[in-house]
Amino acid sequence: MLAPLLVVAAILLSPVIEARLHSVDRATGLPVSWVGRRENLEKRILPHFGPATALLGVRPAARVRAPETLGEDWVYIESGHLWLLWSGGVPMLAAFFAFLWLGLRTTGPIARRRGDAIGVAATASFAALVVLAVGTVFDPHLTHRGTADLNFSLLALALVTSGSDPDEERRPVTSSDPAPVAN
């Protein structure tokens, strides 16, 4: 049933597909924008790394002056992991992976065990951490512009414990449950 839909979509989107295929560098097989990013990393970013700078970071601003031929003022680091090394060195990169590991290890069991609002927050937090882990390979912006704030809020909600009956955590909340009574 999906085959006819895919054929129609391919026909309707053929101009988009053709434009994307024309923007691929023939020598490397990569999109032209990726070739430029790789060139920026190799020629402008990586030469700043040495033993001391890799250990403790280069500087907080994750950018270098662009050559005047580019027509831009700055060349920005496009990899989240490299951005972490650039800004804080090995300690910052290690802290990031420790944060991911602890967050995933903590929220995963809560998400599987609980069926209430805390379980939903734990599931959302676990998913956000997985997206952060995968996406940071390519993009440093996942830790900017409020994403970290939302992630910490989800973690806080996921790690709330009721402090009452431990069996309550394992039982999904149903509409027939009585409303909680304030003490």
N, C-alpha and C. Protein backbone atom coordinates (compact mmCIF):
# COMPACT_ATOMS: atom_id res chain seq x y z
N MET A 1 0.81 -1.18 0.00
CA MET A 1 0.00 0.00 0.00
C MET A 1 0.86 1.26 0.00
N LEU A 2 2.04 1.15 0.55
CA LEU A 2 2.90 2.31 0.64
C LEU A 2 3.63 2.59 -0.66
N ALA A 3 3.82 1.58 -1.49
CA ALA A 3 4.58 1.75 -2.73
C ALA A 3 3.99 2.83 -3.64
N PRO A 4 2.68 2.84 -3.91
CA PRO A 4 2.14 3.90 -4.76
C PRO A 4 2.34 5.30 -4.15
N LEU A 5 2.20 5.38 -2.84
CA LEU A 5 2.40 6.67 -2.18
C LEU A 5 3.85 7.14 -2.32
N LEU A 6 4.79 6.22 -2.21
CA LEU A 6 6.21 6.57 -2.39
C LEU A 6 6.51 7.01 -3.81
N VAL A 7 5.89 6.36 -4.78
CA VAL A 7 6.09 6.76 -6.19
C VAL A 7 5.55 8.17 -6.42
N VAL A 8 4.35 8.44 -5.92
CA VAL A 8 3.76 9.77 -6.07
C VAL A 8 4.63 10.82 -5.36
N ALA A 9 5.10 10.49 -4.15
CA ALA A 9 5.95 11.43 -3.41
C ALA A 9 7.25 11.68 -4.16
N ALA A 10 7.85 10.64 -4.74
CA ALA A 10 9.09 10.81 -5.50
C ALA A 10 8.86 11.69 -6.72
N ILE A 11 7.73 11.53 -7.39
CA ILE A 11 7.42 12.37 -8.57
C ILE A 11 7.22 13.82 -8.15
N LEU A 12 6.44 14.03 -7.08
CA LEU A 12 6.17 15.39 -6.62
C LEU A 12 7.43 16.07 -6.06
N LEU A 13 8.28 15.30 -5.45
CA LEU A 13 9.48 15.86 -4.84
C LEU A 13 10.72 15.77 -5.74
N SER A 14 10.55 15.38 -6.98
CA SER A 14 11.70 15.21 -7.87
C SER A 14 12.53 16.48 -8.02
N PRO A 15 11.95 17.68 -8.06
CA PRO A 15 12.81 18.87 -8.12
C PRO A 15 13.69 19.03 -6.87
N VAL A 16 13.13 18.70 -5.72
CA VAL A 16 13.89 18.80 -4.47
C VAL A 16 15.00 17.76 -4.44
N ILE A 17 14.68 16.55 -4.83
CA ILE A 17 15.67 15.47 -4.85
C ILE A 17 16.78 15.79 -5.84
N GLU A 18 16.43 16.30 -7.00
CA GLU A 18 17.42 16.66 -8.01
C GLU A 18 18.34 17.77 -7.50
N ALA A 19 17.78 18.78 -6.86
CA ALA A 19 18.60 19.87 -6.32
C ALA A 19 19.55 19.36 -5.25
N ARG A 20 19.09 18.44 -4.41
CA ARG A 20 19.96 17.88 -3.37
C ARG A 20 21.10 17.07 -3.98
N LEU A 21 20.79 16.32 -5.03
CA LEU A 21 21.83 15.51 -5.67
C LEU A 21 22.85 16.38 -6.38
N HIS A 22 22.44 17.54 -6.90
CA HIS A 22 23.38 18.45 -7.54
C HIS A 22 24.27 19.17 -6.54
N SER A 23 23.86 19.21 -5.27
CA SER A 23 24.67 19.88 -4.26
C SER A 23 25.64 18.92 -3.58
N VAL A 24 25.87 17.75 -4.20
CA VAL A 24 26.82 16.78 -3.66
C VAL A 24 28.14 16.93 -4.40
N ASP A 25 29.22 16.99 -3.61
CA ASP A 25 30.55 17.08 -4.18
C ASP A 25 30.89 15.75 -4.86
N ARG A 26 31.21 15.80 -6.12
CA ARG A 26 31.46 14.56 -6.88
C ARG A 26 32.71 13.82 -6.40
N ALA A 27 33.70 14.54 -5.95
CA ALA A 27 34.95 13.89 -5.53
C ALA A 27 34.78 13.11 -4.22
N THR A 28 34.03 13.68 -3.27
CA THR A 28 33.91 13.04 -1.96
C THR A 28 32.60 12.30 -1.76
N GLY A 29 31.56 12.69 -2.52
CA GLY A 29 30.24 12.10 -2.32
C GLY A 29 29.49 12.72 -1.15
N LEU A 30 30.05 13.78 -0.57
CA LEU A 30 29.42 14.46 0.56
C LEU A 30 28.73 15.73 0.08
N PRO A 31 27.73 16.20 0.81
CA PRO A 31 27.14 17.50 0.45
C PRO A 31 28.20 18.60 0.50
N VAL A 32 28.07 19.58 -0.37
CA VAL A 32 29.06 20.66 -0.46
C VAL A 32 29.22 21.37 0.88
N SER A 33 28.14 21.59 1.61
CA SER A 33 28.25 22.26 2.91
C SER A 33 29.09 21.45 3.89
N TRP A 34 29.02 20.12 3.81
CA TRP A 34 29.83 19.29 4.70
C TRP A 34 31.30 19.38 4.33
N VAL A 35 31.58 19.47 3.04
CA VAL A 35 32.98 19.59 2.60
C VAL A 35 33.56 20.88 3.15
N GLY A 36 32.79 21.96 3.09
CA GLY A 36 33.25 23.23 3.65
C GLY A 36 33.46 23.16 5.15
N ARG A 37 32.59 22.48 5.85
CA ARG A 37 32.74 22.34 7.31
C ARG A 37 33.97 21.52 7.65
N ARG A 38 34.19 20.45 6.90
CA ARG A 38 35.38 19.63 7.15
C ARG A 38 36.64 20.43 6.89
N GLU A 39 36.63 21.21 5.82
CA GLU A 39 37.78 22.06 5.51
C GLU A 39 38.02 23.09 6.62
N ASN A 40 36.96 23.67 7.13
CA ASN A 40 37.10 24.61 8.24
C ASN A 40 37.70 23.94 9.47
N LEU A 41 37.24 22.73 9.77
CA LEU A 41 37.78 22.01 10.91
C LEU A 41 39.27 21.71 10.72
N GLU A 42 39.61 21.18 9.55
CA GLU A 42 41.00 20.78 9.30
C GLU A 42 41.95 21.96 9.23
N LYS A 43 41.54 23.06 8.58
CA LYS A 43 42.46 24.17 8.34
C LYS A 43 42.40 25.26 9.40
N ARG A 44 41.26 25.44 10.06
CA ARG A 44 41.12 26.60 10.93
C ARG A 44 40.92 26.25 12.40
N ILE A 45 40.34 25.11 12.70
CA ILE A 45 40.03 24.76 14.09
C ILE A 45 41.08 23.82 14.68
N LEU A 46 41.33 22.70 14.03
CA LEU A 46 42.24 21.69 14.59
C LEU A 46 43.67 22.17 14.78
N PRO A 47 44.20 23.10 13.95
CA PRO A 47 45.57 23.58 14.22
C PRO A 47 45.73 24.27 15.58
N HIS A 48 44.67 24.69 16.21
CA HIS A 48 44.76 25.33 17.52
C HIS A 48 44.96 24.32 18.64
N PHE A 49 44.75 23.05 18.35
CA PHE A 49 44.87 22.03 19.39
C PHE A 49 46.30 21.54 19.50
N GLY A 50 46.76 21.47 20.74
CA GLY A 50 48.04 20.88 21.08
C GLY A 50 47.82 20.11 22.37
N PRO A 51 48.88 19.57 22.96
CA PRO A 51 48.69 18.81 24.21
C PRO A 51 48.03 19.62 25.32
N ALA A 52 48.47 20.85 25.54
CA ALA A 52 47.90 21.66 26.63
C ALA A 52 46.48 22.12 26.31
N THR A 53 46.24 22.55 25.08
CA THR A 53 44.91 23.05 24.74
C THR A 53 43.89 21.93 24.66
N ALA A 54 44.30 20.75 24.26
CA ALA A 54 43.36 19.62 24.23
C ALA A 54 43.02 19.20 25.66
N LEU A 55 43.96 19.35 26.56
CA LEU A 55 43.73 18.95 27.95
C LEU A 55 42.80 19.93 28.67
N LEU A 56 43.04 21.23 28.52
CA LEU A 56 42.28 22.22 29.28
C LEU A 56 41.41 23.13 28.43
N GLY A 57 41.43 22.96 27.13
CA GLY A 57 40.60 23.78 26.26
C GLY A 57 41.38 24.93 25.65
N VAL A 58 40.88 25.43 24.54
CA VAL A 58 41.54 26.52 23.82
C VAL A 58 41.09 27.86 24.38
N ARG A 59 39.78 28.12 24.35
CA ARG A 59 39.19 29.34 24.90
C ARG A 59 37.67 29.16 24.92
N PRO A 60 36.96 29.98 25.70
CA PRO A 60 35.51 29.80 25.80
C PRO A 60 34.76 30.05 24.49
N ALA A 61 35.18 31.02 23.70
CA ALA A 61 34.49 31.31 22.44
C ALA A 61 34.85 30.23 21.42
N ALA A 62 33.86 29.49 20.98
CA ALA A 62 34.10 28.37 20.06
C ALA A 62 34.06 28.84 18.62
N ARG A 63 34.98 29.73 18.29
CA ARG A 63 35.05 30.29 16.94
C ARG A 63 36.44 30.84 16.71
N VAL A 64 36.77 30.96 15.43
CA VAL A 64 38.04 31.60 15.02
C VAL A 64 37.71 32.61 13.93
N ARG A 65 38.59 33.56 13.77
CA ARG A 65 38.41 34.56 12.70
C ARG A 65 38.42 33.85 11.35
N ALA A 66 37.47 34.23 10.53
CA ALA A 66 37.40 33.65 9.18
C ALA A 66 38.33 34.43 8.26
N PRO A 67 38.92 33.74 7.29
CA PRO A 67 39.70 34.49 6.30
C PRO A 67 38.77 35.38 5.48
N GLU A 68 39.30 36.48 5.03
CA GLU A 68 38.47 37.45 4.31
C GLU A 68 37.87 36.88 3.03
N THR A 69 38.46 35.82 2.50
CA THR A 69 37.93 35.22 1.27
C THR A 69 36.58 34.54 1.49
N LEU A 70 36.26 34.18 2.73
CA LEU A 70 34.99 33.51 3.00
C LEU A 70 33.82 34.50 3.03
N GLY A 71 34.10 35.76 3.28
CA GLY A 71 33.02 36.75 3.36
C GLY A 71 32.27 36.70 4.68
N GLU A 72 32.76 35.98 5.64
CA GLU A 72 32.17 35.88 6.98
C GLU A 72 33.18 36.42 7.98
N ASP A 73 32.68 36.79 9.17
CA ASP A 73 33.59 37.27 10.21
C ASP A 73 34.20 36.12 11.02
N TRP A 74 33.40 35.07 11.21
CA TRP A 74 33.83 33.98 12.09
C TRP A 74 33.58 32.62 11.45
N VAL A 75 34.38 31.65 11.84
CA VAL A 75 34.17 30.24 11.53
C VAL A 75 33.85 29.58 12.87
N TYR A 76 32.70 28.96 12.95
CA TYR A 76 32.24 28.34 14.18
C TYR A 76 32.49 26.84 14.16
N ILE A 77 32.70 26.27 15.33
CA ILE A 77 32.89 24.83 15.44
C ILE A 77 31.54 24.15 15.25
N GLU A 78 31.49 23.16 14.37
CA GLU A 78 30.22 22.51 14.02
C GLU A 78 30.00 21.17 14.72
N SER A 79 30.95 20.73 15.51
CA SER A 79 30.81 19.46 16.21
C SER A 79 30.65 19.73 17.71
N GLY A 80 29.65 19.13 18.32
CA GLY A 80 29.43 19.33 19.75
C GLY A 80 30.56 18.80 20.60
N HIS A 81 31.08 17.64 20.25
CA HIS A 81 32.17 17.06 21.04
C HIS A 81 33.44 17.89 20.91
N LEU A 82 33.72 18.35 19.72
CA LEU A 82 34.88 19.21 19.52
C LEU A 82 34.69 20.55 20.23
N TRP A 83 33.46 21.05 20.23
CA TRP A 83 33.14 22.28 20.95
C TRP A 83 33.42 22.12 22.44
N LEU A 84 33.05 20.97 23.02
CA LEU A 84 33.32 20.71 24.43
C LEU A 84 34.82 20.67 24.70
N LEU A 85 35.59 20.03 23.83
CA LEU A 85 37.05 20.01 23.98
C LEU A 85 37.63 21.41 23.85
N TRP A 86 37.14 22.17 22.90
CA TRP A 86 37.62 23.52 22.66
C TRP A 86 37.37 24.42 23.88
N SER A 87 36.18 24.32 24.44
CA SER A 87 35.79 25.22 25.53
C SER A 87 36.34 24.81 26.89
N GLY A 88 36.42 23.52 27.16
CA GLY A 88 36.84 23.09 28.49
C GLY A 88 37.78 21.92 28.54
N GLY A 89 38.22 21.45 27.38
CA GLY A 89 39.19 20.36 27.33
C GLY A 89 38.60 19.03 27.75
N VAL A 90 39.51 18.14 28.13
CA VAL A 90 39.12 16.77 28.51
C VAL A 90 38.17 16.77 29.72
N PRO A 91 38.38 17.62 30.74
CA PRO A 91 37.44 17.59 31.86
C PRO A 91 35.99 17.91 31.45
N MET A 92 35.81 18.86 30.55
CA MET A 92 34.45 19.20 30.12
C MET A 92 33.83 18.08 29.30
N LEU A 93 34.61 17.47 28.42
CA LEU A 93 34.10 16.34 27.63
C LEU A 93 33.77 15.16 28.53
N ALA A 94 34.63 14.88 29.52
CA ALA A 94 34.37 13.79 30.45
C ALA A 94 33.13 14.07 31.30
N ALA A 95 32.96 15.32 31.72
CA ALA A 95 31.77 15.69 32.51
C ALA A 95 30.50 15.50 31.68
N PHE A 96 30.56 15.85 30.39
CA PHE A 96 29.40 15.68 29.51
C PHE A 96 29.01 14.20 29.42
N PHE A 97 29.99 13.33 29.19
CA PHE A 97 29.68 11.91 29.08
C PHE A 97 29.24 11.32 30.42
N ALA A 98 29.80 11.80 31.53
CA ALA A 98 29.36 11.34 32.85
C ALA A 98 27.91 11.76 33.09
N PHE A 99 27.57 13.00 32.70
CA PHE A 99 26.20 13.48 32.83
C PHE A 99 25.24 12.60 32.02
N LEU A 100 25.61 12.32 30.76
CA LEU A 100 24.75 11.47 29.93
C LEU A 100 24.59 10.08 30.55
N TRP A 101 25.69 9.49 30.95
CA TRP A 101 25.66 8.13 31.49
C TRP A 101 24.79 8.06 32.75
N LEU A 102 25.01 9.00 33.68
CA LEU A 102 24.22 9.00 34.91
C LEU A 102 22.75 9.30 34.64
N GLY A 103 22.50 10.24 33.74
CA GLY A 103 21.12 10.57 33.42
C GLY A 103 20.37 9.41 32.79
N LEU A 104 21.00 8.75 31.82
CA LEU A 104 20.36 7.61 31.16
C LEU A 104 20.19 6.44 32.12
N ARG A 105 21.21 6.19 32.93
CA ARG A 105 21.16 5.08 33.88
C ARG A 105 20.09 5.30 34.95
N THR A 106 19.84 6.56 35.29
CA THR A 106 18.87 6.86 36.34
C THR A 106 17.45 6.95 35.80
N THR A 107 17.25 7.60 34.66
CA THR A 107 15.89 7.80 34.16
C THR A 107 15.32 6.57 33.48
N GLY A 108 16.17 5.72 32.90
CA GLY A 108 15.68 4.52 32.21
C GLY A 108 14.83 3.62 33.09
N PRO A 109 15.35 3.20 34.26
CA PRO A 109 14.53 2.34 35.13
C PRO A 109 13.25 3.01 35.63
N ILE A 110 13.33 4.32 35.90
CA ILE A 110 12.13 5.03 36.36
C ILE A 110 11.08 5.04 35.24
N ALA A 111 11.52 5.29 34.02
CA ALA A 111 10.60 5.32 32.88
C ALA A 111 9.93 3.96 32.66
N ARG A 112 10.67 2.88 32.86
CA ARG A 112 10.10 1.54 32.67
C ARG A 112 9.18 1.14 33.83
N ARG A 113 9.49 1.61 35.03
CA ARG A 113 8.78 1.16 36.22
C ARG A 113 7.50 1.94 36.51
N ARG A 114 7.50 3.22 36.21
CA ARG A 114 6.38 4.06 36.64
C ARG A 114 5.43 4.36 35.49
N GLY A 115 4.15 4.41 35.81
CA GLY A 115 3.14 4.72 34.81
C GLY A 115 2.43 6.03 35.08
N ASP A 116 2.96 6.82 36.00
CA ASP A 116 2.32 8.09 36.34
C ASP A 116 3.07 9.25 35.68
N ALA A 117 2.80 10.45 36.16
CA ALA A 117 3.42 11.65 35.58
C ALA A 117 4.94 11.62 35.72
N ILE A 118 5.43 11.06 36.80
CA ILE A 118 6.88 10.96 36.98
C ILE A 118 7.47 10.02 35.93
N GLY A 119 6.77 8.94 35.61
CA GLY A 119 7.22 8.04 34.56
C GLY A 119 7.24 8.71 33.19
N VAL A 120 6.25 9.57 32.95
CA VAL A 120 6.22 10.31 31.68
C VAL A 120 7.41 11.26 31.62
N ALA A 121 7.69 11.97 32.71
CA ALA A 121 8.84 12.88 32.75
C ALA A 121 10.15 12.11 32.58
N ALA A 122 10.23 10.93 33.18
CA ALA A 122 11.44 10.12 33.04
C ALA A 122 11.62 9.64 31.60
N THR A 123 10.52 9.25 30.96
CA THR A 123 10.59 8.84 29.56
C THR A 123 11.03 10.00 28.68
N ALA A 124 10.44 11.17 28.90
CA ALA A 124 10.81 12.36 28.12
C ALA A 124 12.28 12.74 28.38
N SER A 125 12.70 12.64 29.61
CA SER A 125 14.09 12.97 29.94
C SER A 125 15.05 11.97 29.30
N PHE A 126 14.70 10.70 29.35
CA PHE A 126 15.54 9.68 28.72
C PHE A 126 15.66 9.93 27.22
N ALA A 127 14.53 10.22 26.58
CA ALA A 127 14.54 10.50 25.13
C ALA A 127 15.37 11.75 24.83
N ALA A 128 15.23 12.79 25.65
CA ALA A 128 16.00 14.02 25.43
C ALA A 128 17.50 13.75 25.58
N LEU A 129 17.87 12.91 26.52
CA LEU A 129 19.29 12.59 26.70
C LEU A 129 19.83 11.78 25.52
N VAL A 130 19.02 10.87 24.98
CA VAL A 130 19.45 10.11 23.80
C VAL A 130 19.62 11.03 22.61
N VAL A 131 18.69 11.95 22.41
CA VAL A 131 18.81 12.93 21.32
C VAL A 131 20.05 13.78 21.51
N LEU A 132 20.32 14.20 22.73
CA LEU A 132 21.51 14.99 23.03
C LEU A 132 22.78 14.18 22.73
N ALA A 133 22.80 12.92 23.12
CA ALA A 133 23.98 12.08 22.90
C ALA A 133 24.27 11.89 21.42
N VAL A 134 23.24 11.66 20.63
CA VAL A 134 23.43 11.43 19.20
C VAL A 134 23.66 12.74 18.45
N GLY A 135 22.84 13.72 18.74
CA GLY A 135 22.92 14.98 18.01
C GLY A 135 24.17 15.78 18.26
N THR A 136 24.75 15.66 19.45
CA THR A 136 25.94 16.43 19.78
C THR A 136 27.15 16.00 18.96
N VAL A 137 27.11 14.84 18.36
CA VAL A 137 28.20 14.43 17.48
C VAL A 137 28.35 15.44 16.34
N PHE A 138 27.22 15.92 15.83
CA PHE A 138 27.25 16.80 14.68
C PHE A 138 26.99 18.27 15.00
N ASP A 139 26.26 18.55 16.07
CA ASP A 139 25.77 19.90 16.28
C ASP A 139 25.95 20.35 17.73
N PRO A 140 26.67 21.46 17.95
CA PRO A 140 26.85 21.93 19.33
C PRO A 140 25.65 22.69 19.87
N HIS A 141 24.68 23.03 19.05
CA HIS A 141 23.60 23.91 19.46
C HIS A 141 22.57 23.24 20.36
N LEU A 142 22.69 21.94 20.59
CA LEU A 142 21.73 21.26 21.43
C LEU A 142 21.89 21.63 22.90
N THR A 143 23.00 22.22 23.26
CA THR A 143 23.20 22.64 24.65
C THR A 143 22.97 24.14 24.80
N HIS A 144 22.47 24.80 23.77
CA HIS A 144 22.24 26.24 23.79
C HIS A 144 20.75 26.52 23.72
N ARG A 145 20.42 27.78 23.86
CA ARG A 145 19.08 28.31 23.60
C ARG A 145 17.95 27.58 24.34
N GLY A 146 18.16 27.29 25.60
CA GLY A 146 17.08 26.75 26.42
C GLY A 146 16.97 25.24 26.45
N THR A 147 17.67 24.55 25.57
CA THR A 147 17.56 23.09 25.56
C THR A 147 18.06 22.50 26.86
N ALA A 148 19.18 23.01 27.36
CA ALA A 148 19.72 22.50 28.62
C ALA A 148 18.76 22.81 29.77
N ASP A 149 18.16 24.00 29.75
CA ASP A 149 17.20 24.35 30.81
C ASP A 149 16.03 23.37 30.82
N LEU A 150 15.50 23.06 29.66
CA LEU A 150 14.40 22.11 29.58
C LEU A 150 14.84 20.72 30.03
N ASN A 151 16.03 20.32 29.63
CA ASN A 151 16.53 19.00 30.01
C ASN A 151 16.69 18.89 31.53
N PHE A 152 17.22 19.93 32.17
CA PHE A 152 17.37 19.87 33.63
C PHE A 152 16.00 19.87 34.32
N SER A 153 15.03 20.58 33.76
CA SER A 153 13.68 20.56 34.33
C SER A 153 13.07 19.17 34.22
N LEU A 154 13.24 18.53 33.07
CA LEU A 154 12.73 17.16 32.90
C LEU A 154 13.41 16.21 33.87
N LEU A 155 14.72 16.36 34.04
CA LEU A 155 15.42 15.50 35.00
C LEU A 155 14.88 15.70 36.41
N ALA A 156 14.65 16.95 36.79
CA ALA A 156 14.12 17.22 38.13
C ALA A 156 12.75 16.58 38.31
N LEU A 157 11.88 16.70 37.31
CA LEU A 157 10.55 16.09 37.40
C LEU A 157 10.63 14.57 37.43
N ALA A 158 11.56 14.01 36.68
CA ALA A 158 11.69 12.56 36.61
C ALA A 158 12.24 11.97 37.90
N LEU A 159 12.99 12.75 38.64
CA LEU A 159 13.64 12.22 39.84
C LEU A 159 12.88 12.53 41.12
N VAL A 160 11.66 13.05 40.98
CA VAL A 160 10.81 13.30 42.14
C VAL A 160 10.36 11.97 42.71
N THR A 161 10.45 11.81 43.99
CA THR A 161 9.93 10.59 44.62
C THR A 161 8.82 10.98 45.57
N SER A 162 7.83 10.14 45.68
CA SER A 162 6.67 10.46 46.51
C SER A 162 6.99 10.31 47.98
N GLY A 163 7.93 9.45 48.34
CA GLY A 163 8.28 9.26 49.73
C GLY A 163 7.27 8.43 50.50
N SER A 164 6.26 7.90 49.82
CA SER A 164 5.25 7.10 50.51
C SER A 164 5.45 5.64 50.17
N ASP A 165 4.38 4.96 49.91
CA ASP A 165 4.38 3.53 49.65
C ASP A 165 5.23 3.18 48.44
N PRO A 166 6.29 2.33 48.57
CA PRO A 166 7.12 1.99 47.42
C PRO A 166 6.36 1.25 46.33
N ASP A 167 5.27 0.53 46.70
CA ASP A 167 4.48 -0.15 45.68
C ASP A 167 3.72 0.84 44.81
N GLU A 168 3.49 2.05 45.32
CA GLU A 168 2.79 3.07 44.56
C GLU A 168 3.58 3.44 43.30
N GLU A 169 4.91 3.40 43.40
CA GLU A 169 5.74 3.75 42.25
C GLU A 169 5.61 2.74 41.12
N ARG A 170 5.28 1.50 41.43
CA ARG A 170 5.22 0.47 40.40
C ARG A 170 3.85 0.36 39.76
N ARG A 171 2.83 0.94 40.39
CA ARG A 171 1.46 0.80 39.93
C ARG A 171 1.06 2.00 39.08
N PRO A 172 0.59 1.76 37.84
CA PRO A 172 0.13 2.89 37.03
C PRO A 172 -1.08 3.57 37.66
N VAL A 173 -1.15 4.87 37.51
CA VAL A 173 -2.28 5.63 38.02
C VAL A 173 -3.44 5.45 37.05
N THR A 174 -4.64 5.20 37.58
CA THR A 174 -5.83 5.05 36.74
C THR A 174 -6.83 6.14 37.10
N SER A 175 -7.81 6.31 36.24
CA SER A 175 -8.82 7.34 36.49
C SER A 175 -9.71 6.99 37.70
N SER A 176 -9.71 5.74 38.13
CA SER A 176 -10.55 5.36 39.26
C SER A 176 -9.85 5.58 40.59
N ASP A 177 -8.57 5.97 40.56
CA ASP A 177 -7.84 6.23 41.81
C ASP A 177 -8.39 7.49 42.47
N PRO A 178 -8.48 7.48 43.79
CA PRO A 178 -8.95 8.69 44.48
C PRO A 178 -7.90 9.80 44.38
N ALA A 179 -8.36 11.00 44.46
CA ALA A 179 -7.43 12.15 44.42
C ALA A 179 -6.57 12.14 45.65
N PRO A 180 -5.29 12.55 45.55
CA PRO A 180 -4.44 12.57 46.72
C PRO A 180 -4.96 13.58 47.76
N VAL A 181 -4.79 13.22 49.02
CA VAL A 181 -5.26 14.07 50.11
C VAL A 181 -4.07 14.86 50.63
N ALA A 182 -4.25 16.16 50.78
CA ALA A 182 -3.19 16.99 51.33
C ALA A 182 -3.08 16.78 52.82
N ASN A 183 -1.87 16.72 53.33
CA ASN A 183 -1.66 16.51 54.78
C ASN A 183 -1.68 17.82 55.50
